[in-house]
């Protein structure tokens, strides 16, 4: 998929099983923009709501402090119930 979208050459793909499910780690040859990152995560099967929220944060990055520009793609360590 990355090659089709001209997003760089894939160097390594790892499937990692944790007690919370499967995770996919894709290492490639260049840094992706925020939009490319969110789109790839969605296309590779990430949670739709998570990527919708990442998209909302990504669209507001221009006015955000540098601290938040690096952290738009939130990874959660646990789910709230």
PDB file of N, CA and C in Angstrom:
ATOM      1  N   UNK A   1       0.824  -1.187   0.000  1.00  0.00           N
ATOM      2  CA  UNK A   1       0.000   0.000   0.000  1.00  0.00           C
ATOM      3  C   UNK A   1       0.872   1.256   0.000  1.00  0.00           C
ATOM      4  N   UNK A   2       1.930   1.285   0.824  1.00  0.00           N
ATOM      5  CA  UNK A   2       2.793   2.464   0.863  1.00  0.00           C
ATOM      6  C   UNK A   2       3.428   2.726  -0.500  1.00  0.00           C
ATOM      7  N   UNK A   3       3.853   1.678  -1.167  1.00  0.00           N
ATOM      8  CA  UNK A   3       4.477   1.847  -2.487  1.00  0.00           C
ATOM      9  C   UNK A   3       3.456   2.370  -3.495  1.00  0.00           C
ATOM     10  N   UNK A   4       2.237   1.859  -3.433  1.00  0.00           N
ATOM     11  CA  UNK A   4       1.186   2.311  -4.344  1.00  0.00           C
ATOM     12  C   UNK A   4       0.913   3.793  -4.167  1.00  0.00           C
ATOM     13  N   UNK A   5       0.957   4.271  -2.920  1.00  0.00           N
ATOM     14  CA  UNK A   5       0.705   5.680  -2.624  1.00  0.00           C
ATOM     15  C   UNK A   5       1.959   6.541  -2.710  1.00  0.00           C
ATOM     16  N   UNK A   6       3.085   5.931  -3.104  1.00  0.00           N
ATOM     17  CA  UNK A   6       4.365   6.622  -3.223  1.00  0.00           C
ATOM     18  C   UNK A   6       4.786   7.247  -1.891  1.00  0.00           C
ATOM     19  N   UNK A   7       4.647   6.472  -0.822  1.00  0.00           N
ATOM     20  CA  UNK A   7       4.979   6.970   0.506  1.00  0.00           C
ATOM     21  C   UNK A   7       6.302   6.423   1.035  1.00  0.00           C
ATOM     22  N   UNK A   8       7.108   5.873   0.170  1.00  0.00           N
ATOM     23  CA  UNK A   8       8.409   5.398   0.589  1.00  0.00           C
ATOM     24  C   UNK A   8       8.532   3.895   0.476  1.00  0.00           C
ATOM     25  N   UNK A   9       9.748   3.427   0.596  1.00  0.00           N
ATOM     26  CA  UNK A   9      10.036   2.001   0.480  1.00  0.00           C
ATOM     27  C   UNK A   9       9.920   1.329   1.849  1.00  0.00           C
ATOM     28  N   UNK A  10       9.216   0.227   1.886  1.00  0.00           N
ATOM     29  CA  UNK A  10       9.045  -0.512   3.139  1.00  0.00           C
ATOM     30  C   UNK A  10      10.330  -1.264   3.443  1.00  0.00           C
ATOM     31  N   UNK A  11      10.849  -1.061   4.663  1.00  0.00           N
ATOM     32  CA  UNK A  11      12.064  -1.750   5.089  1.00  0.00           C
ATOM     33  C   UNK A  11      11.748  -2.996   5.905  1.00  0.00           C
ATOM     34  N   UNK A  12      10.705  -2.906   6.736  1.00  0.00           N
ATOM     35  CA  UNK A  12      10.412  -4.014   7.642  1.00  0.00           C
ATOM     36  C   UNK A  12       8.942  -3.941   8.059  1.00  0.00           C
ATOM     37  N   UNK A  13       8.313  -5.098   8.178  1.00  0.00           N
ATOM     38  CA  UNK A  13       6.946  -5.196   8.679  1.00  0.00           C
ATOM     39  C   UNK A  13       6.947  -6.207   9.806  1.00  0.00           C
ATOM     40  N   UNK A  14       6.467  -5.790  10.965  1.00  0.00           N
ATOM     41  CA  UNK A  14       6.393  -6.681  12.124  1.00  0.00           C
ATOM     42  C   UNK A  14       4.959  -6.788  12.597  1.00  0.00           C
ATOM     43  N   UNK A  15       4.530  -8.013  12.853  1.00  0.00           N
ATOM     44  CA  UNK A  15       3.245  -8.261  13.498  1.00  0.00           C
ATOM     45  C   UNK A  15       3.558  -8.607  14.949  1.00  0.00           C
ATOM     46  N   UNK A  16       2.999  -7.837  15.860  1.00  0.00           N
ATOM     47  CA  UNK A  16       3.298  -8.000  17.281  1.00  0.00           C
ATOM     48  C   UNK A  16       2.007  -8.337  18.011  1.00  0.00           C
ATOM     49  N   UNK A  17       1.997  -9.465  18.708  1.00  0.00           N
ATOM     50  CA  UNK A  17       0.818  -9.850  19.473  1.00  0.00           C
ATOM     51  C   UNK A  17       1.010  -9.429  20.925  1.00  0.00           C
ATOM     52  N   UNK A  18       0.028  -8.715  21.456  1.00  0.00           N
ATOM     53  CA  UNK A  18       0.020  -8.346  22.870  1.00  0.00           C
ATOM     54  C   UNK A  18      -1.247  -8.914  23.480  1.00  0.00           C
ATOM     55  N   UNK A  19      -1.401  -8.758  24.766  1.00  0.00           N
ATOM     56  CA  UNK A  19      -2.618  -9.274  25.393  1.00  0.00           C
ATOM     57  C   UNK A  19      -3.851  -8.464  24.983  1.00  0.00           C
ATOM     58  N   UNK A  20      -3.643  -7.311  24.347  1.00  0.00           N
ATOM     59  CA  UNK A  20      -4.759  -6.487  23.880  1.00  0.00           C
ATOM     60  C   UNK A  20      -5.049  -6.672  22.402  1.00  0.00           C
ATOM     61  N   UNK A  21      -4.313  -7.535  21.726  1.00  0.00           N
ATOM     62  CA  UNK A  21      -4.563  -7.789  20.315  1.00  0.00           C
ATOM     63  C   UNK A  21      -3.295  -7.727  19.490  1.00  0.00           C
ATOM     64  N   UNK A  22      -3.474  -7.667  18.186  1.00  0.00           N
ATOM     65  CA  UNK A  22      -2.368  -7.603  17.248  1.00  0.00           C
ATOM     66  C   UNK A  22      -2.039  -6.153  16.900  1.00  0.00           C
ATOM     67  N   UNK A  23      -0.733  -5.896  16.724  1.00  0.00           N
ATOM     68  CA  UNK A  23      -0.265  -4.576  16.319  1.00  0.00           C
ATOM     69  C   UNK A  23       0.647  -4.756  15.113  1.00  0.00           C
ATOM     70  N   UNK A  24       0.612  -3.803  14.235  1.00  0.00           N
ATOM     71  CA  UNK A  24       1.410  -3.842  13.021  1.00  0.00           C
ATOM     72  C   UNK A  24       2.397  -2.680  13.064  1.00  0.00           C
ATOM     73  N   UNK A  25       3.671  -2.984  12.907  1.00  0.00           N
ATOM     74  CA  UNK A  25       4.714  -1.959  12.865  1.00  0.00           C
ATOM     75  C   UNK A  25       5.325  -1.990  11.474  1.00  0.00           C
ATOM     76  N   UNK A  26       5.243  -0.868  10.765  1.00  0.00           N
ATOM     77  CA  UNK A  26       5.783  -0.771   9.412  1.00  0.00           C
ATOM     78  C   UNK A  26       6.905   0.257   9.424  1.00  0.00           C
ATOM     79  N   UNK A  27       8.101  -0.189   9.086  1.00  0.00           N
ATOM     80  CA  UNK A  27       9.250   0.720   8.991  1.00  0.00           C
ATOM     81  C   UNK A  27       9.487   1.003   7.511  1.00  0.00           C
ATOM     82  N   UNK A  28       9.605   2.289   7.172  1.00  0.00           N
ATOM     83  CA  UNK A  28       9.788   2.649   5.769  1.00  0.00           C
ATOM     84  C   UNK A  28      10.851   3.720   5.639  1.00  0.00           C
ATOM     85  N   UNK A  29      11.096   4.144   4.397  1.00  0.00           N
ATOM     86  CA  UNK A  29      12.276   4.943   4.088  1.00  0.00           C
ATOM     87  C   UNK A  29      12.137   6.449   4.296  1.00  0.00           C
ATOM     88  N   UNK A  30      10.969   6.947   4.628  1.00  0.00           N
ATOM     89  CA  UNK A  30      10.862   8.399   4.843  1.00  0.00           C
ATOM     90  C   UNK A  30       9.812   8.697   5.907  1.00  0.00           C
ATOM     91  N   UNK A  31       9.879   9.913   6.430  1.00  0.00           N
ATOM     92  CA  UNK A  31       8.886  10.354   7.412  1.00  0.00           C
ATOM     93  C   UNK A  31       7.596  10.722   6.693  1.00  0.00           C
ATOM     94  N   UNK A  32       6.486  10.314   7.259  1.00  0.00           N
ATOM     95  CA  UNK A  32       5.187  10.638   6.685  1.00  0.00           C
ATOM     96  C   UNK A  32       4.658  11.924   7.310  1.00  0.00           C
ATOM     97  N   UNK A  33       3.860  12.650   6.541  1.00  0.00           N
ATOM     98  CA  UNK A  33       3.170  13.807   7.112  1.00  0.00           C
ATOM     99  C   UNK A  33       2.092  13.295   8.063  1.00  0.00           C
ATOM    100  N   UNK A  34       1.519  14.197   8.829  1.00  0.00           N
ATOM    101  CA  UNK A  34       0.457  13.817   9.757  1.00  0.00           C
ATOM    102  C   UNK A  34      -0.719  13.204   8.998  1.00  0.00           C
ATOM    103  N   UNK A  35      -1.100  13.803   7.877  1.00  0.00           N
ATOM    104  CA  UNK A  35      -2.226  13.293   7.083  1.00  0.00           C
ATOM    105  C   UNK A  35      -1.921  11.901   6.529  1.00  0.00           C
ATOM    106  N   UNK A  36      -0.712  11.696   6.030  1.00  0.00           N
ATOM    107  CA  UNK A  36      -0.321  10.385   5.505  1.00  0.00           C
ATOM    108  C   UNK A  36      -0.334   9.325   6.596  1.00  0.00           C
ATOM    109  N   UNK A  37       0.122   9.699   7.785  1.00  0.00           N
ATOM    110  CA  UNK A  37       0.138   8.763   8.906  1.00  0.00           C
ATOM    111  C   UNK A  37      -1.265   8.307   9.259  1.00  0.00           C
ATOM    112  N   UNK A  38      -2.177   9.255   9.414  1.00  0.00           N
ATOM    113  CA  UNK A  38      -3.559   8.918   9.781  1.00  0.00           C
ATOM    114  C   UNK A  38      -4.214   8.079   8.688  1.00  0.00           C
ATOM    115  N   UNK A  39      -4.025   8.441   7.443  1.00  0.00           N
ATOM    116  CA  UNK A  39      -4.622   7.687   6.336  1.00  0.00           C
ATOM    117  C   UNK A  39      -4.092   6.252   6.276  1.00  0.00           C
ATOM    118  N   UNK A  40      -2.799   6.077   6.459  1.00  0.00           N
ATOM    119  CA  UNK A  40      -2.219   4.734   6.443  1.00  0.00           C
ATOM    120  C   UNK A  40      -2.741   3.901   7.606  1.00  0.00           C
ATOM    121  N   UNK A  41      -2.817   4.495   8.785  1.00  0.00           N
ATOM    122  CA  UNK A  41      -3.324   3.767   9.946  1.00  0.00           C
ATOM    123  C   UNK A  41      -4.756   3.318   9.708  1.00  0.00           C
ATOM    124  N   UNK A  42      -5.571   4.190   9.147  1.00  0.00           N
ATOM    125  CA  UNK A  42      -6.959   3.839   8.852  1.00  0.00           C
ATOM    126  C   UNK A  42      -7.031   2.729   7.809  1.00  0.00           C
ATOM    127  N   UNK A  43      -6.249   2.863   6.734  1.00  0.00           N
ATOM    128  CA  UNK A  43      -6.271   1.877   5.654  1.00  0.00           C
ATOM    129  C   UNK A  43      -5.770   0.513   6.110  1.00  0.00           C
ATOM    130  N   UNK A  44      -4.874   0.490   7.096  1.00  0.00           N
ATOM    131  CA  UNK A  44      -4.327  -0.771   7.588  1.00  0.00           C
ATOM    132  C   UNK A  44      -5.172  -1.393   8.698  1.00  0.00           C
ATOM    133  N   UNK A  45      -6.336  -0.793   9.008  1.00  0.00           N
ATOM    134  CA  UNK A  45      -7.273  -1.442   9.915  1.00  0.00           C
ATOM    135  C   UNK A  45      -7.355  -0.887  11.319  1.00  0.00           C
ATOM    136  N   UNK A  46      -6.818   0.288  11.550  1.00  0.00           N
ATOM    137  CA  UNK A  46      -6.924   0.892  12.876  1.00  0.00           C
ATOM    138  C   UNK A  46      -8.386   1.219  13.196  1.00  0.00           C
ATOM    139  N   UNK A  47      -8.664   1.410  14.446  1.00  0.00           N
ATOM    140  CA  UNK A  47     -10.015   1.740  14.916  1.00  0.00           C
ATOM    141  C   UNK A  47     -10.507   3.020  14.244  1.00  0.00           C
ATOM    142  N   UNK A  48     -11.726   2.979  13.689  1.00  0.00           N
ATOM    143  CA  UNK A  48     -12.261   4.138  12.955  1.00  0.00           C
ATOM    144  C   UNK A  48     -12.410   5.369  13.834  1.00  0.00           C
ATOM    145  N   UNK A  49     -12.911   5.201  15.048  1.00  0.00           N
ATOM    146  CA  UNK A  49     -13.091   6.343  15.940  1.00  0.00           C
ATOM    147  C   UNK A  49     -11.746   6.960  16.321  1.00  0.00           C
ATOM    148  N   UNK A  50     -10.762   6.124  16.594  1.00  0.00           N
ATOM    149  CA  UNK A  50      -9.429   6.622  16.938  1.00  0.00           C
ATOM    150  C   UNK A  50      -8.872   7.473  15.805  1.00  0.00           C
ATOM    151  N   UNK A  51      -9.012   6.994  14.572  1.00  0.00           N
ATOM    152  CA  UNK A  51      -8.469   7.742  13.439  1.00  0.00           C
ATOM    153  C   UNK A  51      -9.295   8.984  13.132  1.00  0.00           C
ATOM    154  N   UNK A  52     -10.580   8.958  13.408  1.00  0.00           N
ATOM    155  CA  UNK A  52     -11.398  10.172  13.265  1.00  0.00           C
ATOM    156  C   UNK A  52     -10.907  11.242  14.235  1.00  0.00           C
ATOM    157  N   UNK A  53     -10.651  10.861  15.475  1.00  0.00           N
ATOM    158  CA  UNK A  53     -10.144  11.818  16.464  1.00  0.00           C
ATOM    159  C   UNK A  53      -8.742  12.299  16.101  1.00  0.00           C
ATOM    160  N   UNK A  54      -7.889  11.390  15.591  1.00  0.00           N
ATOM    161  CA  UNK A  54      -6.559  11.811  15.123  1.00  0.00           C
ATOM    162  C   UNK A  54      -6.680  12.798  13.970  1.00  0.00           C
ATOM    163  N   UNK A  55      -7.648  12.583  13.076  1.00  0.00           N
ATOM    164  CA  UNK A  55      -7.861  13.511  11.954  1.00  0.00           C
ATOM    165  C   UNK A  55      -8.280  14.880  12.463  1.00  0.00           C
ATOM    166  N   UNK A  56      -9.176  14.917  13.447  1.00  0.00           N
ATOM    167  CA  UNK A  56      -9.606  16.200  14.010  1.00  0.00           C
ATOM    168  C   UNK A  56      -8.426  16.941  14.627  1.00  0.00           C
ATOM    169  N   UNK A  57      -7.560  16.225  15.362  1.00  0.00           N
ATOM    170  CA  UNK A  57      -6.375  16.864  15.948  1.00  0.00           C
ATOM    171  C   UNK A  57      -5.417  17.318  14.854  1.00  0.00           C
ATOM    172  N   UNK A  58      -5.229  16.476  13.830  1.00  0.00           N
ATOM    173  CA  UNK A  58      -4.300  16.791  12.751  1.00  0.00           C
ATOM    174  C   UNK A  58      -4.705  18.065  12.011  1.00  0.00           C
ATOM    175  N   UNK A  59      -6.008  18.259  11.817  1.00  0.00           N
ATOM    176  CA  UNK A  59      -6.487  19.439  11.092  1.00  0.00           C
ATOM    177  C   UNK A  59      -6.262  20.735  11.864  1.00  0.00           C
ATOM    178  N   UNK A  60      -5.982  20.646  13.136  1.00  0.00           N
ATOM    179  CA  UNK A  60      -5.759  21.838  13.966  1.00  0.00           C
ATOM    180  C   UNK A  60      -4.288  22.034  14.345  1.00  0.00           C
ATOM    181  N   UNK A  61      -3.392  21.320  13.692  1.00  0.00           N
ATOM    182  CA  UNK A  61      -1.975  21.363  14.054  1.00  0.00           C
ATOM    183  C   UNK A  61      -1.301  22.691  13.733  1.00  0.00           C
ATOM    184  N   UNK A  62      -1.769  23.415  12.726  1.00  0.00           N
ATOM    185  CA  UNK A  62      -1.082  24.645  12.307  1.00  0.00           C
ATOM    186  C   UNK A  62      -0.950  25.660  13.433  1.00  0.00           C
ATOM    187  N   UNK A  63      -1.968  25.770  14.273  1.00  0.00           N
ATOM    188  CA  UNK A  63      -1.946  26.751  15.355  1.00  0.00           C
ATOM    189  C   UNK A  63      -1.530  26.159  16.690  1.00  0.00           C
ATOM    190  N   UNK A  64      -1.213  24.881  16.710  1.00  0.00           N
ATOM    191  CA  UNK A  64      -0.883  24.210  17.969  1.00  0.00           C
ATOM    192  C   UNK A  64       0.581  24.451  18.338  1.00  0.00           C
ATOM    193  N   UNK A  65       0.859  24.469  19.657  1.00  0.00           N
ATOM    194  CA  UNK A  65       2.258  24.557  20.077  1.00  0.00           C
ATOM    195  C   UNK A  65       3.044  23.337  19.575  1.00  0.00           C
ATOM    196  N   UNK A  66       4.347  23.474  19.465  1.00  0.00           N
ATOM    197  CA  UNK A  66       5.202  22.400  18.950  1.00  0.00           C
ATOM    198  C   UNK A  66       5.026  21.106  19.749  1.00  0.00           C
ATOM    199  N   UNK A  67       4.835  21.237  21.059  1.00  0.00           N
ATOM    200  CA  UNK A  67       4.630  20.071  21.921  1.00  0.00           C
ATOM    201  C   UNK A  67       3.504  19.203  21.376  1.00  0.00           C
ATOM    202  N   UNK A  68       2.377  19.809  21.007  1.00  0.00           N
ATOM    203  CA  UNK A  68       1.210  19.060  20.524  1.00  0.00           C
ATOM    204  C   UNK A  68       1.339  18.649  19.065  1.00  0.00           C
ATOM    205  N   UNK A  69       2.122  19.396  18.288  1.00  0.00           N
ATOM    206  CA  UNK A  69       2.315  19.012  16.892  1.00  0.00           C
ATOM    207  C   UNK A  69       2.997  17.653  16.783  1.00  0.00           C
ATOM    208  N   UNK A  70       3.846  17.330  17.740  1.00  0.00           N
ATOM    209  CA  UNK A  70       4.532  16.039  17.748  1.00  0.00           C
ATOM    210  C   UNK A  70       3.670  14.934  18.354  1.00  0.00           C
ATOM    211  N   UNK A  71       2.552  15.295  18.976  1.00  0.00           N
ATOM    212  CA  UNK A  71       1.757  14.320  19.717  1.00  0.00           C
ATOM    213  C   UNK A  71       0.308  14.221  19.254  1.00  0.00           C
ATOM    214  N   UNK A  72       0.037  14.548  17.996  1.00  0.00           N
ATOM    215  CA  UNK A  72      -1.345  14.488  17.516  1.00  0.00           C
ATOM    216  C   UNK A  72      -1.841  13.048  17.457  1.00  0.00           C
ATOM    217  N   UNK A  73      -0.937  12.107  17.255  1.00  0.00           N
ATOM    218  CA  UNK A  73      -1.303  10.707  17.068  1.00  0.00           C
ATOM    219  C   UNK A  73      -1.255   9.998  18.415  1.00  0.00           C
ATOM    220  N   UNK A  74      -2.358  10.060  19.128  1.00  0.00           N
ATOM    221  CA  UNK A  74      -2.414   9.564  20.499  1.00  0.00           C
ATOM    222  C   UNK A  74      -2.436   8.044  20.537  1.00  0.00           C
ATOM    223  N   UNK A  75      -1.574   7.474  21.351  1.00  0.00           N
ATOM    224  CA  UNK A  75      -1.575   6.038  21.622  1.00  0.00           C
ATOM    225  C   UNK A  75      -2.028   5.845  23.056  1.00  0.00           C
ATOM    226  N   UNK A  76      -3.006   4.998  23.253  1.00  0.00           N
ATOM    227  CA  UNK A  76      -3.567   4.792  24.579  1.00  0.00           C
ATOM    228  C   UNK A  76      -2.971   3.541  25.219  1.00  0.00           C
ATOM    229  N   UNK A  77      -2.660   3.626  26.496  1.00  0.00           N
ATOM    230  CA  UNK A  77      -2.125   2.461  27.188  1.00  0.00           C
ATOM    231  C   UNK A  77      -3.219   1.582  27.760  1.00  0.00           C
ATOM    232  N   UNK A  78      -4.416   2.139  27.927  1.00  0.00           N
ATOM    233  CA  UNK A  78      -5.538   1.349  28.426  1.00  0.00           C
ATOM    234  C   UNK A  78      -6.846   2.026  28.060  1.00  0.00           C
ATOM    235  N   UNK A  79      -7.926   1.253  28.065  1.00  0.00           N
ATOM    236  CA  UNK A  79      -9.242   1.797  27.770  1.00  0.00           C
ATOM    237  C   UNK A  79      -9.941   2.185  29.050  1.00  0.00           C
ATOM    238  N   UNK A  80     -10.675   3.286  28.998  1.00  0.00           N
ATOM    239  CA  UNK A  80     -11.497   3.686  30.142  1.00  0.00           C
ATOM    240  C   UNK A  80     -12.820   2.958  30.033  1.00  0.00           C
ATOM    241  N   UNK A  81     -13.343   2.539  31.157  1.00  0.00           N
ATOM    242  CA  UNK A  81     -14.631   1.826  31.146  1.00  0.00           C
ATOM    243  C   UNK A  81     -15.674   2.607  31.882  1.00  0.00           C
TER     244      UNK A  81
END
